[in-house]
Amino acid sequence: MIGVDDPQADDVRALLAVHLAFSRGVTPAEYSFALDVEQLLEPGVTFFSARRAGTVVGVAALKRLDQSHAELKSMHTREAERNRGVGRAMVEHLFGVAREEGYLRVSLETGTTEEFTAARALYAKAGFRPCGPFGDYRPSPYNTFMTMDLDPLSEAT
């Protein structure tokens, strides 16, 4: 089950702590852009969790950049649930939400190091393609940027 969730919930907060520790542990602080709980509560950010039998197995968020452009943020799958389709299901769900919200494009920033290889492969398989920095991002050796144009909602079904 994937749906809007509260990043302040204890079980969600625990998985987000793992995500932040990972992101900040493999990327220099000035190039690590994972959102913390307070940032996930900001206006324009919608937070989601994936649950299996009530247990949080993954998280992600959509952040509004402008009327037609959103950013996929803070995506993380519990280690024991990796390679079981959670990440792909989250991406597909967020694509559906983005279409419903009228976004025409979804972009993301992720790391360039080996630790992010699986994430980059997942995003490429989902249809994301490399792009330049967007929003307030600047190019760096630690960040890679990807984007995907969405079909209008009427073509998504």
C-alpha atoms as a PDB file:
ATOM      1  CA  MET A   1       0.000   0.000   0.000  1.00  0.00           C
ATOM      2  CA  ILE A   2       1.373   3.376  -1.040  1.00  0.00           C
ATOM      3  CA  GLY A   3      -0.163   6.593   0.200  1.00  0.00           C
ATOM      4  CA  VAL A   4       0.343   9.985   1.766  1.00  0.00           C
ATOM      5  CA  ASP A   5       1.869   9.593   5.209  1.00  0.00           C
ATOM      6  CA  ASP A   6       3.178  11.616   8.135  1.00  0.00           C
ATOM      7  CA  PRO A   7       6.980  11.924   8.186  1.00  0.00           C
ATOM      8  CA  GLN A   8       6.702  12.522  11.943  1.00  0.00           C
ATOM      9  CA  ALA A   9       5.315   9.008  12.623  1.00  0.00           C
ATOM     10  CA  ASP A  10       7.810   7.007  14.668  1.00  0.00           C
ATOM     11  CA  ASP A  11       8.258   4.168  12.154  1.00  0.00           C
ATOM     12  CA  VAL A  12       8.598   6.598   9.246  1.00  0.00           C
ATOM     13  CA  ARG A  13      10.990   8.811  11.190  1.00  0.00           C
ATOM     14  CA  ALA A  14      13.197   5.763  11.856  1.00  0.00           C
ATOM     15  CA  LEU A  15      13.460   4.916   8.134  1.00  0.00           C
ATOM     16  CA  LEU A  16      14.100   8.567   7.274  1.00  0.00           C
ATOM     17  CA  ALA A  17      16.944   8.604   9.821  1.00  0.00           C
ATOM     18  CA  VAL A  18      18.521   5.638   8.007  1.00  0.00           C
ATOM     19  CA  HIS A  19      18.110   7.469   4.701  1.00  0.00           C
ATOM     20  CA  LEU A  20      19.687  10.677   5.994  1.00  0.00           C
ATOM     21  CA  ALA A  21      22.575   8.805   7.629  1.00  0.00           C
ATOM     22  CA  PHE A  22      23.237   6.957   4.368  1.00  0.00           C
ATOM     23  CA  SER A  23      22.996  10.067   2.170  1.00  0.00           C
ATOM     24  CA  ARG A  24      25.119  12.208   4.433  1.00  0.00           C
ATOM     25  CA  GLY A  25      27.571   9.383   5.044  1.00  0.00           C
ATOM     26  CA  VAL A  26      28.503   8.906   1.388  1.00  0.00           C
ATOM     27  CA  THR A  27      28.153  12.488   0.098  1.00  0.00           C
ATOM     28  CA  PRO A  28      29.867  15.614   1.439  1.00  0.00           C
ATOM     29  CA  ALA A  29      27.384  17.703   3.452  1.00  0.00           C
ATOM     30  CA  GLU A  30      27.329  20.601   0.986  1.00  0.00           C
ATOM     31  CA  TYR A  31      26.247  18.199  -1.794  1.00  0.00           C
ATOM     32  CA  SER A  32      23.747  16.092   0.171  1.00  0.00           C
ATOM     33  CA  PHE A  33      20.199  17.296  -0.443  1.00  0.00           C
ATOM     34  CA  ALA A  34      18.068  14.627   1.261  1.00  0.00           C
ATOM     35  CA  LEU A  35      15.201  16.268   3.143  1.00  0.00           C
ATOM     36  CA  ASP A  36      14.824  15.867   6.892  1.00  0.00           C
ATOM     37  CA  VAL A  37      11.469  15.468   8.654  1.00  0.00           C
ATOM     38  CA  GLU A  38      10.904  19.214   9.068  1.00  0.00           C
ATOM     39  CA  GLN A  39      11.652  19.873   5.383  1.00  0.00           C
ATOM     40  CA  LEU A  40       9.248  17.100   4.391  1.00  0.00           C
ATOM     41  CA  LEU A  41       6.506  18.985   6.248  1.00  0.00           C
ATOM     42  CA  GLU A  42       7.006  22.211   4.280  1.00  0.00           C
ATOM     43  CA  PRO A  43       4.271  23.515   1.973  1.00  0.00           C
ATOM     44  CA  GLY A  44       4.669  22.183  -1.542  1.00  0.00           C
ATOM     45  CA  VAL A  45       6.041  18.823  -0.365  1.00  0.00           C
ATOM     46  CA  THR A  46       3.828  15.728  -0.311  1.00  0.00           C
ATOM     47  CA  PHE A  47       5.288  12.777   1.562  1.00  0.00           C
ATOM     48  CA  PHE A  48       4.458   9.128   0.797  1.00  0.00           C
ATOM     49  CA  SER A  49       5.239   5.775   2.340  1.00  0.00           C
ATOM     50  CA  ALA A  50       4.955   2.239   1.058  1.00  0.00           C
ATOM     51  CA  ARG A  51       3.786  -0.322   3.601  1.00  0.00           C
ATOM     52  CA  ARG A  52       3.699  -4.098   3.472  1.00  0.00           C
ATOM     53  CA  ALA A  53       1.484  -5.673   6.132  1.00  0.00           C
ATOM     54  CA  GLY A  54       1.514  -2.327   7.966  1.00  0.00           C
ATOM     55  CA  THR A  55       5.316  -2.039   8.082  1.00  0.00           C
ATOM     56  CA  VAL A  56       7.013   0.887   6.348  1.00  0.00           C
ATOM     57  CA  VAL A  57       9.170  -0.506   3.528  1.00  0.00           C
ATOM     58  CA  GLY A  58       9.823   2.659   1.530  1.00  0.00           C
ATOM     59  CA  VAL A  59       9.428   6.414   1.467  1.00  0.00           C
ATOM     60  CA  ALA A  60       9.504   9.202  -1.106  1.00  0.00           C
ATOM     61  CA  ALA A  61       8.192  12.715  -1.623  1.00  0.00           C
ATOM     62  CA  LEU A  62       7.111  15.025  -4.413  1.00  0.00           C
ATOM     63  CA  LYS A  63       8.218  18.633  -4.111  1.00  0.00           C
ATOM     64  CA  ARG A  64       6.531  21.288  -6.220  1.00  0.00           C
ATOM     65  CA  LEU A  65       9.072  23.341  -8.179  1.00  0.00           C
ATOM     66  CA  ASP A  66       6.538  25.260 -10.244  1.00  0.00           C
ATOM     67  CA  GLN A  67       3.099  24.759 -11.773  1.00  0.00           C
ATOM     68  CA  SER A  68       4.279  22.092 -14.225  1.00  0.00           C
ATOM     69  CA  HIS A  69       7.460  20.706 -12.643  1.00  0.00           C
ATOM     70  CA  ALA A  70       7.927  18.536  -9.541  1.00  0.00           C
ATOM     71  CA  GLU A  71      10.966  16.943  -7.954  1.00  0.00           C
ATOM     72  CA  LEU A  72      11.157  13.415  -6.585  1.00  0.00           C
ATOM     73  CA  LYS A  73      12.814  13.695  -3.149  1.00  0.00           C
ATOM     74  CA  SER A  74      13.992  11.512  -0.276  1.00  0.00           C
ATOM     75  CA  MET A  75      13.291   8.171  -1.921  1.00  0.00           C
ATOM     76  CA  HIS A  76      14.514   5.240   0.162  1.00  0.00           C
ATOM     77  CA  THR A  77      13.672   1.550   0.413  1.00  0.00           C
ATOM     78  CA  ARG A  78      14.315  -0.460   3.564  1.00  0.00           C
ATOM     79  CA  GLU A  79      17.390  -2.601   2.910  1.00  0.00           C
ATOM     80  CA  ALA A  80      15.561  -5.912   3.522  1.00  0.00           C
ATOM     81  CA  GLU A  81      12.946  -4.903   0.895  1.00  0.00           C
ATOM     82  CA  ARG A  82      15.319  -3.994  -1.927  1.00  0.00           C
ATOM     83  CA  ASN A  83      14.966  -5.827  -5.255  1.00  0.00           C
ATOM     84  CA  ARG A  84      11.343  -6.637  -4.425  1.00  0.00           C
ATOM     85  CA  GLY A  85       9.709  -3.903  -6.535  1.00  0.00           C
ATOM     86  CA  VAL A  86       9.174  -1.306  -3.806  1.00  0.00           C
ATOM     87  CA  GLY A  87      11.226   1.408  -5.514  1.00  0.00           C
ATOM     88  CA  ARG A  88       9.617   0.837  -8.890  1.00  0.00           C
ATOM     89  CA  ALA A  89       6.132   0.864  -7.324  1.00  0.00           C
ATOM     90  CA  MET A  90       6.938   4.132  -5.534  1.00  0.00           C
ATOM     91  CA  VAL A  91       8.164   5.783  -8.733  1.00  0.00           C
ATOM     92  CA  GLU A  92       5.077   4.649 -10.663  1.00  0.00           C
ATOM     93  CA  HIS A  93       2.791   5.863  -7.874  1.00  0.00           C
ATOM     94  CA  LEU A  94       4.471   9.249  -7.786  1.00  0.00           C
ATOM     95  CA  PHE A  95       4.185   9.527 -11.569  1.00  0.00           C
ATOM     96  CA  GLY A  96       0.432   8.971 -11.198  1.00  0.00           C
ATOM     97  CA  VAL A  97       0.144  11.598  -8.464  1.00  0.00           C
ATOM     98  CA  ALA A  98       2.228  14.043 -10.492  1.00  0.00           C
ATOM     99  CA  ARG A  99      -0.073  13.582 -13.494  1.00  0.00           C
ATOM    100  CA  GLU A 100      -3.153  14.091 -11.310  1.00  0.00           C
ATOM    101  CA  GLU A 101      -1.600  17.314  -9.991  1.00  0.00           C
ATOM    102  CA  GLY A 102      -1.017  18.527 -13.554  1.00  0.00           C
ATOM    103  CA  TYR A 103       2.764  18.282 -13.592  1.00  0.00           C
ATOM    104  CA  LEU A 104       4.318  17.796 -17.012  1.00  0.00           C
ATOM    105  CA  ARG A 105       7.793  16.943 -15.769  1.00  0.00           C
ATOM    106  CA  VAL A 106       9.386  15.226 -12.769  1.00  0.00           C
ATOM    107  CA  SER A 107      13.080  15.657 -12.037  1.00  0.00           C
ATOM    108  CA  LEU A 108      15.433  14.355  -9.389  1.00  0.00           C
ATOM    109  CA  GLU A 109      18.916  14.724  -7.965  1.00  0.00           C
ATOM    110  CA  THR A 110      20.891  11.718  -6.761  1.00  0.00           C
ATOM    111  CA  GLY A 111      24.453  10.807  -6.011  1.00  0.00           C
ATOM    112  CA  THR A 112      27.201   9.915  -8.464  1.00  0.00           C
ATOM    113  CA  THR A 113      29.118   7.456  -6.313  1.00  0.00           C
ATOM    114  CA  GLU A 114      28.935   3.667  -6.445  1.00  0.00           C
ATOM    115  CA  GLU A 115      26.467   3.615  -3.531  1.00  0.00           C
ATOM    116  CA  PHE A 116      23.868   5.242  -5.806  1.00  0.00           C
ATOM    117  CA  THR A 117      24.328   2.896  -8.787  1.00  0.00           C
ATOM    118  CA  ALA A 118      21.128   0.943  -8.078  1.00  0.00           C
ATOM    119  CA  ALA A 119      19.118   4.155  -7.663  1.00  0.00           C
ATOM    120  CA  ARG A 120      20.383   5.575 -10.945  1.00  0.00           C
ATOM    121  CA  ALA A 121      19.575   2.276 -12.703  1.00  0.00           C
ATOM    122  CA  LEU A 122      16.057   2.249 -11.246  1.00  0.00           C
ATOM    123  CA  TYR A 123      15.429   5.809 -12.379  1.00  0.00           C
ATOM    124  CA  ALA A 124      16.805   5.162 -15.881  1.00  0.00           C
ATOM    125  CA  LYS A 125      14.655   2.034 -16.216  1.00  0.00           C
ATOM    126  CA  ALA A 126      11.617   4.085 -15.154  1.00  0.00           C
ATOM    127  CA  GLY A 127      12.284   6.531 -18.000  1.00  0.00           C
ATOM    128  CA  PHE A 128      14.348   9.267 -16.391  1.00  0.00           C
ATOM    129  CA  ARG A 129      17.140  10.667 -18.532  1.00  0.00           C
ATOM    130  CA  PRO A 130      20.175  12.727 -17.553  1.00  0.00           C
ATOM    131  CA  CYS A 131      19.725  16.491 -17.521  1.00  0.00           C
ATOM    132  CA  GLY A 132      21.474  19.563 -16.212  1.00  0.00           C
ATOM    133  CA  PRO A 133      20.925  21.046 -12.774  1.00  0.00           C
ATOM    134  CA  PHE A 134      17.459  22.451 -12.152  1.00  0.00           C
ATOM    135  CA  GLY A 135      15.964  24.675  -9.465  1.00  0.00           C
ATOM    136  CA  ASP A 136      18.652  25.899  -7.071  1.00  0.00           C
ATOM    137  CA  TYR A 137      21.079  23.048  -7.755  1.00  0.00           C
ATOM    138  CA  ARG A 138      24.570  23.651  -9.108  1.00  0.00           C
ATOM    139  CA  PRO A 139      26.738  21.146 -10.977  1.00  0.00           C
ATOM    140  CA  SER A 140      29.133  19.102  -8.841  1.00  0.00           C
ATOM    141  CA  PRO A 141      31.064  15.836  -9.051  1.00  0.00           C
ATOM    142  CA  TYR A 142      28.760  14.410  -6.332  1.00  0.00           C
ATOM    143  CA  ASN A 143      25.356  15.065  -7.908  1.00  0.00           C
ATOM    144  CA  THR A 144      23.638  13.746 -10.980  1.00  0.00           C
ATOM    145  CA  PHE A 145      20.392  15.167 -12.322  1.00  0.00           C
ATOM    146  CA  MET A 146      17.655  13.330 -14.193  1.00  0.00           C
ATOM    147  CA  THR A 147      14.275  14.289 -15.585  1.00  0.00           C
ATOM    148  CA  MET A 148      11.231  12.748 -17.198  1.00  0.00           C
ATOM    149  CA  ASP A 149       8.466  14.325 -19.227  1.00  0.00           C
ATOM    150  CA  LEU A 150       5.044  13.005 -18.273  1.00  0.00           C
ATOM    151  CA  ASP A 151       2.265  12.155 -20.654  1.00  0.00           C
ATOM    152  CA  PRO A 152      -0.944  14.040 -19.936  1.00  0.00           C
ATOM    153  CA  LEU A 153      -3.312  12.285 -17.519  1.00  0.00           C
ATOM    154  CA  SER A 154      -5.650  11.318 -20.360  1.00  0.00           C
ATOM    155  CA  GLU A 155      -2.864   9.236 -21.949  1.00  0.00           C
ATOM    156  CA  ALA A 156      -1.717   7.614 -18.672  1.00  0.00           C
ATOM    157  CA  THR A 157      -4.525   5.069 -18.538  1.00  0.00           C
END
